[in-house]
Full PDB file with SEQRES, HELIX, SHEET, SSBOND, CRYST1, ORIGX, SCALE, CONECT and MASTER records, all heavy atoms in Angstrom:
SEQRES   1 A   32  ARG VAL ALA ALA SER SER PHE GLY PRO TRP GLU PHE TRP          
SEQRES   2 A   32  PRO GLY PRO ILE ASP ASP ALA GLY ASN PRO PRO SER ASP          
SEQRES   3 A   32  CYS THR PRO TYR ASP GLN                                      
HELIX    1 AA1 THR A   28  TYR A   30  5                                   3    
CRYST1    1.000    1.000    1.000  90.00  90.00  90.00 P 1           1          
ORIGX1      1.000000  0.000000  0.000000        0.00000                         
ORIGX2      0.000000  1.000000  0.000000        0.00000                         
ORIGX3      0.000000  0.000000  1.000000        0.00000                         
SCALE1      1.000000  0.000000  0.000000        0.00000                         
SCALE2      0.000000  1.000000  0.000000        0.00000                         
SCALE3      0.000000  0.000000  1.000000        0.00000                         
ATOM      1  N   ARG A   1     -58.049 178.276  66.279  1.00  0.00           N  
ATOM      2  CA  ARG A   1     -57.135 179.008  65.402  1.00  0.00           C  
ATOM      3  C   ARG A   1     -55.974 179.500  66.260  1.00  0.00           C  
ATOM      4  O   ARG A   1     -56.189 180.062  67.321  1.00  0.00           O  
ATOM      5  CB  ARG A   1     -57.819 180.201  64.740  1.00  0.00           C  
ATOM      6  CG  ARG A   1     -59.105 179.873  64.019  1.00  0.00           C  
ATOM      7  CD  ARG A   1     -58.831 179.282  62.651  1.00  0.00           C  
ATOM      8  NE  ARG A   1     -60.041 178.871  61.997  1.00  0.00           N  
ATOM      9  CZ  ARG A   1     -60.756 179.603  61.167  1.00  0.00           C  
ATOM     10  NH1 ARG A   1     -60.364 180.825  60.880  1.00  0.00           N  
ATOM     11  NH2 ARG A   1     -61.842 179.119  60.618  1.00  0.00           N  
ATOM     12  N   VAL A   2     -54.754 179.306  65.772  1.00  0.00           N  
ATOM     13  CA  VAL A   2     -53.565 179.691  66.538  1.00  0.00           C  
ATOM     14  C   VAL A   2     -52.554 180.350  65.610  1.00  0.00           C  
ATOM     15  O   VAL A   2     -52.328 179.884  64.497  1.00  0.00           O  
ATOM     16  CB  VAL A   2     -52.900 178.454  67.200  1.00  0.00           C  
ATOM     17  CG1 VAL A   2     -51.649 178.859  67.947  1.00  0.00           C  
ATOM     18  CG2 VAL A   2     -53.868 177.744  68.121  1.00  0.00           C  
ATOM     19  N   ALA A   3     -51.973 181.435  66.087  1.00  0.00           N  
ATOM     20  CA  ALA A   3     -50.811 182.035  65.432  1.00  0.00           C  
ATOM     21  C   ALA A   3     -49.720 182.056  66.488  1.00  0.00           C  
ATOM     22  O   ALA A   3     -49.864 182.695  67.528  1.00  0.00           O  
ATOM     23  CB  ALA A   3     -51.118 183.439  64.938  1.00  0.00           C  
ATOM     24  N   ALA A   4     -48.663 181.319  66.250  1.00  0.00           N  
ATOM     25  CA  ALA A   4     -47.600 181.206  67.243  1.00  0.00           C  
ATOM     26  C   ALA A   4     -46.303 180.812  66.552  1.00  0.00           C  
ATOM     27  O   ALA A   4     -46.316 180.227  65.479  1.00  0.00           O  
ATOM     28  CB  ALA A   4     -47.953 180.154  68.292  1.00  0.00           C  
ATOM     29  N   SER A   5     -45.227 181.159  67.164  1.00  0.00           N  
ATOM     30  CA  SER A   5     -43.938 180.753  66.621  1.00  0.00           C  
ATOM     31  C   SER A   5     -42.925 180.697  67.750  1.00  0.00           C  
ATOM     32  O   SER A   5     -43.126 181.271  68.804  1.00  0.00           O  
ATOM     33  CB  SER A   5     -43.471 181.714  65.530  1.00  0.00           C  
ATOM     34  OG  SER A   5     -43.379 183.020  66.038  1.00  0.00           O  
ATOM     35  N   SER A   6     -41.870 179.976  67.511  1.00  0.00           N  
ATOM     36  CA  SER A   6     -40.780 179.961  68.475  1.00  0.00           C  
ATOM     37  C   SER A   6     -39.471 180.032  67.695  1.00  0.00           C  
ATOM     38  O   SER A   6     -39.171 179.136  66.926  1.00  0.00           O  
ATOM     39  CB  SER A   6     -40.837 178.711  69.352  1.00  0.00           C  
ATOM     40  OG  SER A   6     -40.803 177.560  68.571  1.00  0.00           O  
ATOM     41  N   PHE A   7     -38.770 181.121  67.860  1.00  0.00           N  
ATOM     42  CA  PHE A   7     -37.492 181.360  67.201  1.00  0.00           C  
ATOM     43  C   PHE A   7     -37.602 181.398  65.681  1.00  0.00           C  
ATOM     44  O   PHE A   7     -36.653 181.105  64.986  1.00  0.00           O  
ATOM     45  CB  PHE A   7     -36.449 180.334  67.647  1.00  0.00           C  
ATOM     46  CG  PHE A   7     -36.275 180.283  69.135  1.00  0.00           C  
ATOM     47  CD1 PHE A   7     -36.716 179.195  69.855  1.00  0.00           C  
ATOM     48  CD2 PHE A   7     -35.694 181.332  69.812  1.00  0.00           C  
ATOM     49  CE1 PHE A   7     -36.572 179.147  71.233  1.00  0.00           C  
ATOM     50  CE2 PHE A   7     -35.548 181.299  71.179  1.00  0.00           C  
ATOM     51  CZ  PHE A   7     -35.983 180.202  71.896  1.00  0.00           C  
ATOM     52  N   GLY A   8     -38.778 181.728  65.143  1.00  0.00           N  
ATOM     53  CA  GLY A   8     -38.988 181.877  63.710  1.00  0.00           C  
ATOM     54  C   GLY A   8     -39.289 180.545  63.056  1.00  0.00           C  
ATOM     55  O   GLY A   8     -39.089 179.499  63.642  1.00  0.00           O  
ATOM     56  N   PRO A   9     -39.855 180.500  61.872  1.00  0.00           N  
ATOM     57  CA  PRO A   9     -40.267 181.686  61.131  1.00  0.00           C  
ATOM     58  C   PRO A   9     -41.440 182.354  61.833  1.00  0.00           C  
ATOM     59  O   PRO A   9     -42.256 181.687  62.459  1.00  0.00           O  
ATOM     60  CB  PRO A   9     -40.675 181.140  59.766  1.00  0.00           C  
ATOM     61  CG  PRO A   9     -41.072 179.730  60.024  1.00  0.00           C  
ATOM     62  CD  PRO A   9     -40.210 179.265  61.171  1.00  0.00           C  
ATOM     63  N   TRP A  10     -41.489 183.642  61.730  1.00  0.00           N  
ATOM     64  CA  TRP A  10     -42.460 184.416  62.490  1.00  0.00           C  
ATOM     65  C   TRP A  10     -43.826 184.356  61.833  1.00  0.00           C  
ATOM     66  O   TRP A  10     -43.953 184.262  60.624  1.00  0.00           O  
ATOM     67  CB  TRP A  10     -41.975 185.855  62.642  1.00  0.00           C  
ATOM     68  CG  TRP A  10     -40.552 185.875  63.101  1.00  0.00           C  
ATOM     69  CD1 TRP A  10     -39.473 186.287  62.385  1.00  0.00           C  
ATOM     70  CD2 TRP A  10     -40.044 185.419  64.352  1.00  0.00           C  
ATOM     71  NE1 TRP A  10     -38.324 186.120  63.104  1.00  0.00           N  
ATOM     72  CE2 TRP A  10     -38.641 185.580  64.328  1.00  0.00           C  
ATOM     73  CE3 TRP A  10     -40.609 184.886  65.489  1.00  0.00           C  
ATOM     74  CZ2 TRP A  10     -37.837 185.253  65.398  1.00  0.00           C  
ATOM     75  CZ3 TRP A  10     -39.792 184.557  66.546  1.00  0.00           C  
ATOM     76  CH2 TRP A  10     -38.430 184.737  66.491  1.00  0.00           C  
ATOM     77  N   GLU A  11     -44.871 184.440  62.639  1.00  0.00           N  
ATOM     78  CA  GLU A  11     -46.251 184.310  62.174  1.00  0.00           C  
ATOM     79  C   GLU A  11     -46.887 185.639  61.788  1.00  0.00           C  
ATOM     80  O   GLU A  11     -47.944 185.648  61.193  1.00  0.00           O  
ATOM     81  CB  GLU A  11     -47.111 183.700  63.289  1.00  0.00           C  
ATOM     82  CG  GLU A  11     -46.873 182.242  63.510  1.00  0.00           C  
ATOM     83  CD  GLU A  11     -47.590 181.390  62.496  1.00  0.00           C  
ATOM     84  OE1 GLU A  11     -48.655 181.780  61.990  1.00  0.00           O  
ATOM     85  OE2 GLU A  11     -47.063 180.317  62.179  1.00  0.00           O  
ATOM     86  N   PHE A  12     -46.297 186.748  62.163  1.00  0.00           N  
ATOM     87  CA  PHE A  12     -46.981 188.019  62.033  1.00  0.00           C  
ATOM     88  C   PHE A  12     -46.301 188.938  61.022  1.00  0.00           C  
ATOM     89  O   PHE A  12     -45.087 188.981  60.938  1.00  0.00           O  
ATOM     90  CB  PHE A  12     -47.053 188.715  63.397  1.00  0.00           C  
ATOM     91  CG  PHE A  12     -47.726 187.862  64.442  1.00  0.00           C  
ATOM     92  CD1 PHE A  12     -46.968 187.151  65.358  1.00  0.00           C  
ATOM     93  CD2 PHE A  12     -49.097 187.763  64.494  1.00  0.00           C  
ATOM     94  CE1 PHE A  12     -47.574 186.349  66.310  1.00  0.00           C  
ATOM     95  CE2 PHE A  12     -49.719 186.960  65.437  1.00  0.00           C  
ATOM     96  CZ  PHE A  12     -48.958 186.254  66.352  1.00  0.00           C  
ATOM     97  N   TRP A  13     -47.119 189.653  60.269  1.00  0.00           N  
ATOM     98  CA  TRP A  13     -46.662 190.652  59.312  1.00  0.00           C  
ATOM     99  C   TRP A  13     -47.321 191.970  59.689  1.00  0.00           C  
ATOM    100  O   TRP A  13     -48.418 191.991  60.239  1.00  0.00           O  
ATOM    101  CB  TRP A  13     -47.071 190.252  57.895  1.00  0.00           C  
ATOM    102  CG  TRP A  13     -46.112 189.322  57.258  1.00  0.00           C  
ATOM    103  CD1 TRP A  13     -45.154 189.648  56.352  1.00  0.00           C  
ATOM    104  CD2 TRP A  13     -45.974 187.928  57.479  1.00  0.00           C  
ATOM    105  NE1 TRP A  13     -44.422 188.541  55.985  1.00  0.00           N  
ATOM    106  CE2 TRP A  13     -44.922 187.461  56.679  1.00  0.00           C  
ATOM    107  CE3 TRP A  13     -46.635 187.003  58.285  1.00  0.00           C  
ATOM    108  CZ2 TRP A  13     -44.517 186.140  56.648  1.00  0.00           C  
ATOM    109  CZ3 TRP A  13     -46.232 185.704  58.264  1.00  0.00           C  
ATOM    110  CH2 TRP A  13     -45.183 185.271  57.452  1.00  0.00           C  
ATOM    111  N   PRO A  14     -46.687 193.085  59.370  1.00  0.00           N  
ATOM    112  CA  PRO A  14     -47.283 194.373  59.730  1.00  0.00           C  
ATOM    113  C   PRO A  14     -48.453 194.721  58.817  1.00  0.00           C  
ATOM    114  O   PRO A  14     -48.437 194.383  57.631  1.00  0.00           O  
ATOM    115  CB  PRO A  14     -46.128 195.358  59.528  1.00  0.00           C  
ATOM    116  CG  PRO A  14     -45.235 194.716  58.528  1.00  0.00           C  
ATOM    117  CD  PRO A  14     -45.373 193.237  58.753  1.00  0.00           C  
ATOM    118  N   GLY A  15     -49.447 195.372  59.394  1.00  0.00           N  
ATOM    119  CA  GLY A  15     -50.558 195.876  58.598  1.00  0.00           C  
ATOM    120  C   GLY A  15     -51.854 195.130  58.814  1.00  0.00           C  
ATOM    121  O   GLY A  15     -51.889 194.055  59.410  1.00  0.00           O  
ATOM    122  N   PRO A  16     -52.934 195.707  58.311  1.00  0.00           N  
ATOM    123  CA  PRO A  16     -54.256 195.099  58.469  1.00  0.00           C  
ATOM    124  C   PRO A  16     -54.447 193.935  57.506  1.00  0.00           C  
ATOM    125  O   PRO A  16     -53.746 193.822  56.508  1.00  0.00           O  
ATOM    126  CB  PRO A  16     -55.194 196.254  58.101  1.00  0.00           C  
ATOM    127  CG  PRO A  16     -54.411 197.077  57.139  1.00  0.00           C  
ATOM    128  CD  PRO A  16     -52.977 196.981  57.603  1.00  0.00           C  
ATOM    129  N   ILE A  17     -55.402 193.076  57.824  1.00  0.00           N  
ATOM    130  CA  ILE A  17     -55.753 191.981  56.932  1.00  0.00           C  
ATOM    131  C   ILE A  17     -57.201 192.156  56.480  1.00  0.00           C  
ATOM    132  O   ILE A  17     -58.003 192.793  57.157  1.00  0.00           O  
ATOM    133  CB  ILE A  17     -55.548 190.599  57.586  1.00  0.00           C  
ATOM    134  CG1 ILE A  17     -56.363 190.478  58.877  1.00  0.00           C  
ATOM    135  CG2 ILE A  17     -54.087 190.336  57.850  1.00  0.00           C  
ATOM    136  CD1 ILE A  17     -56.363 189.095  59.490  1.00  0.00           C  
ATOM    137  N   ASP A  18     -57.527 191.577  55.329  1.00  0.00           N  
ATOM    138  CA  ASP A  18     -58.904 191.657  54.859  1.00  0.00           C  
ATOM    139  C   ASP A  18     -59.716 190.508  55.458  1.00  0.00           C  
ATOM    140  O   ASP A  18     -59.206 189.719  56.265  1.00  0.00           O  
ATOM    141  CB  ASP A  18     -58.956 191.678  53.326  1.00  0.00           C  
ATOM    142  CG  ASP A  18     -58.428 190.399  52.685  1.00  0.00           C  
ATOM    143  OD1 ASP A  18     -58.346 189.351  53.367  1.00  0.00           O  
ATOM    144  OD2 ASP A  18     -58.097 190.450  51.490  1.00  0.00           O  
ATOM    145  N   ASP A  19     -60.983 190.393  55.075  1.00  0.00           N  
ATOM    146  CA  ASP A  19     -61.858 189.366  55.639  1.00  0.00           C  
ATOM    147  C   ASP A  19     -61.391 187.948  55.340  1.00  0.00           C  
ATOM    148  O   ASP A  19     -61.736 187.014  56.044  1.00  0.00           O  
ATOM    149  CB  ASP A  19     -63.289 189.555  55.123  1.00  0.00           C  
ATOM    150  CG  ASP A  19     -63.936 190.808  55.694  1.00  0.00           C  
ATOM    151  OD1 ASP A  19     -63.487 191.283  56.759  1.00  0.00           O  
ATOM    152  OD2 ASP A  19     -64.902 191.309  55.072  1.00  0.00           O  
ATOM    153  N   ALA A  20     -60.594 187.780  54.292  1.00  0.00           N  
ATOM    154  CA  ALA A  20     -60.074 186.452  53.947  1.00  0.00           C  
ATOM    155  C   ALA A  20     -58.748 186.158  54.644  1.00  0.00           C  
ATOM    156  O   ALA A  20     -58.172 185.102  54.469  1.00  0.00           O  
ATOM    157  CB  ALA A  20     -59.892 186.350  52.435  1.00  0.00           C  
ATOM    158  N   GLY A  21     -58.248 187.114  55.443  1.00  0.00           N  
ATOM    159  CA  GLY A  21     -56.991 186.907  56.151  1.00  0.00           C  
ATOM    160  C   GLY A  21     -55.765 187.300  55.365  1.00  0.00           C  
ATOM    161  O   GLY A  21     -54.657 186.926  55.730  1.00  0.00           O  
ATOM    162  N   ASN A  22     -55.935 188.036  54.295  1.00  0.00           N  
ATOM    163  CA  ASN A  22     -54.810 188.431  53.452  1.00  0.00           C  
ATOM    164  C   ASN A  22     -54.343 189.846  53.781  1.00  0.00           C  
ATOM    165  O   ASN A  22     -55.164 190.732  54.010  1.00  0.00           O  
ATOM    166  CB  ASN A  22     -55.197 188.354  51.980  1.00  0.00           C  
ATOM    167  CG  ASN A  22     -55.568 186.942  51.593  1.00  0.00           C  
ATOM    168  OD1 ASN A  22     -54.851 186.001  51.902  1.00  0.00           O  
ATOM    169  ND2 ASN A  22     -56.704 186.787  50.953  1.00  0.00           N  
ATOM    170  N   PRO A  23     -53.038 190.071  53.776  1.00  0.00           N  
ATOM    171  CA  PRO A  23     -52.502 191.400  54.087  1.00  0.00           C  
ATOM    172  C   PRO A  23     -52.624 192.334  52.886  1.00  0.00           C  
ATOM    173  O   PRO A  23     -52.975 191.895  51.788  1.00  0.00           O  
ATOM    174  CB  PRO A  23     -51.041 191.115  54.404  1.00  0.00           C  
ATOM    175  CG  PRO A  23     -50.724 189.933  53.560  1.00  0.00           C  
ATOM    176  CD  PRO A  23     -51.984 189.101  53.542  1.00  0.00           C  
ATOM    177  N   PRO A  24     -52.312 193.609  53.087  1.00  0.00           N  
ATOM    178  CA  PRO A  24     -52.330 194.536  51.951  1.00  0.00           C  
ATOM    179  C   PRO A  24     -51.232 194.158  50.954  1.00  0.00           C  
ATOM    180  O   PRO A  24     -50.325 193.388  51.270  1.00  0.00           O  
ATOM    181  CB  PRO A  24     -52.049 195.894  52.592  1.00  0.00           C  
ATOM    182  CG  PRO A  24     -51.380 195.585  53.880  1.00  0.00           C  
ATOM    183  CD  PRO A  24     -51.892 194.253  54.322  1.00  0.00           C  
ATOM    184  N   SER A  25     -51.301 194.717  49.763  1.00  0.00           N  
ATOM    185  CA  SER A  25     -50.293 194.399  48.749  1.00  0.00           C  
ATOM    186  C   SER A  25     -48.929 194.936  49.132  1.00  0.00           C  
ATOM    187  O   SER A  25     -47.910 194.420  48.707  1.00  0.00           O  
ATOM    188  CB  SER A  25     -50.714 194.945  47.391  1.00  0.00           C  
ATOM    189  OG  SER A  25     -50.879 196.347  47.463  1.00  0.00           O  
ATOM    190  N   ASP A  26     -48.891 195.989  49.954  1.00  0.00           N  
ATOM    191  CA  ASP A  26     -47.619 196.558  50.417  1.00  0.00           C  
ATOM    192  C   ASP A  26     -47.716 196.812  51.913  1.00  0.00           C  
ATOM    193  O   ASP A  26     -48.517 197.634  52.354  1.00  0.00           O  
ATOM    194  CB  ASP A  26     -47.316 197.859  49.667  1.00  0.00           C  
ATOM    195  CG  ASP A  26     -45.987 198.469  50.084  1.00  0.00           C  
ATOM    196  OD1 ASP A  26     -45.178 197.780  50.741  1.00  0.00           O  
ATOM    197  OD2 ASP A  26     -45.769 199.652  49.751  1.00  0.00           O  
ATOM    198  N   CYS A  27     -46.915 196.115  52.693  1.00  0.00           N  
ATOM    199  CA  CYS A  27     -46.929 196.260  54.157  1.00  0.00           C  
ATOM    200  C   CYS A  27     -45.952 197.319  54.664  1.00  0.00           C  
ATOM    201  O   CYS A  27     -45.909 197.604  55.854  1.00  0.00           O  
ATOM    202  CB  CYS A  27     -46.599 194.923  54.821  1.00  0.00           C  
ATOM    203  SG  CYS A  27     -47.858 193.663  54.559  1.00  0.00           S  
ATOM    204  N   THR A  28     -45.152 197.874  53.778  1.00  0.00           N  
ATOM    205  CA  THR A  28     -44.096 198.805  54.184  1.00  0.00           C  
ATOM    206  C   THR A  28     -44.588 199.954  55.062  1.00  0.00           C  
ATOM    207  O   THR A  28     -43.949 200.263  56.073  1.00  0.00           O  
ATOM    208  CB  THR A  28     -43.370 199.360  52.934  1.00  0.00           C  
ATOM    209  OG1 THR A  28     -42.920 198.251  52.156  1.00  0.00           O  
ATOM    210  CG2 THR A  28     -42.192 200.217  53.325  1.00  0.00           C  
ATOM    211  N   PRO A  29     -45.731 200.602  54.754  1.00  0.00           N  
ATOM    212  CA  PRO A  29     -46.165 201.718  55.611  1.00  0.00           C  
ATOM    213  C   PRO A  29     -46.477 201.302  57.053  1.00  0.00           C  
ATOM    214  O   PRO A  29     -46.493 202.129  57.952  1.00  0.00           O  
ATOM    215  CB  PRO A  29     -47.431 202.242  54.931  1.00  0.00           C  
ATOM    216  CG  PRO A  29     -47.411 201.708  53.554  1.00  0.00           C  
ATOM    217  CD  PRO A  29     -46.606 200.447  53.595  1.00  0.00           C  
ATOM    218  N   TYR A  30     -46.733 200.014  57.262  1.00  0.00           N  
ATOM    219  CA  TYR A  30     -47.104 199.523  58.589  1.00  0.00           C  
ATOM    220  C   TYR A  30     -45.926 198.930  59.351  1.00  0.00           C  
ATOM    221  O   TYR A  30     -46.078 198.535  60.495  1.00  0.00           O  
ATOM    222  CB  TYR A  30     -48.205 198.468  58.457  1.00  0.00           C  
ATOM    223  CG  TYR A  30     -49.356 198.930  57.610  1.00  0.00           C  
ATOM    224  CD1 TYR A  30     -49.511 198.472  56.308  1.00  0.00           C  
ATOM    225  CD2 TYR A  30     -50.269 199.845  58.108  1.00  0.00           C  
ATOM    226  CE1 TYR A  30     -50.564 198.901  55.524  1.00  0.00           C  
ATOM    227  CE2 TYR A  30     -51.326 200.288  57.332  1.00  0.00           C  
ATOM    228  CZ  TYR A  30     -51.468 199.813  56.038  1.00  0.00           C  
ATOM    229  OH  TYR A  30     -52.508 200.240  55.261  1.00  0.00           O  
ATOM    230  N   ASP A  31     -44.772 198.852  58.721  1.00  0.00           N  
ATOM    231  CA  ASP A  31     -43.613 198.233  59.360  1.00  0.00           C  
ATOM    232  C   ASP A  31     -42.946 199.230  60.294  1.00  0.00           C  
ATOM    233  O   ASP A  31     -41.860 199.749  60.038  1.00  0.00           O  
ATOM    234  CB  ASP A  31     -42.619 197.731  58.309  1.00  0.00           C  
ATOM    235  CG  ASP A  31     -41.528 196.857  58.917  1.00  0.00           C  
ATOM    236  OD1 ASP A  31     -41.650 196.489  60.102  1.00  0.00           O  
ATOM    237  OD2 ASP A  31     -40.558 196.556  58.212  1.00  0.00           O  
ATOM    238  N   GLN A  32     -43.636 199.508  61.384  1.00  0.00           N  
ATOM    239  CA  GLN A  32     -43.128 200.419  62.403  1.00  0.00           C  
ATOM    240  C   GLN A  32     -43.802 200.111  63.728  1.00  0.00           C  
ATOM    241  O   GLN A  32     -44.764 199.360  63.781  1.00  0.00           O  
ATOM    242  CB  GLN A  32     -43.361 201.869  61.996  1.00  0.00           C  
ATOM    243  CG  GLN A  32     -44.802 202.231  61.739  1.00  0.00           C  
ATOM    244  CD  GLN A  32     -44.927 203.668  61.264  1.00  0.00           C  
ATOM    245  OE1 GLN A  32     -44.344 204.569  61.837  1.00  0.00           O  
ATOM    246  NE2 GLN A  32     -45.701 203.871  60.221  1.00  0.00           N  
TER     247      GLN A  32                                                      
MASTER        0    0    0    1    0    0    0    6  246    1    0    3          
END                                                                             
């Protein structure tokens, strides 16, 4: 399993993920 990028598009989003690999419905509180 690999998460990588070069000059975008970026692989990472802010916030925790669930067991299925999905982010929360709103990542705004974690964008810091």
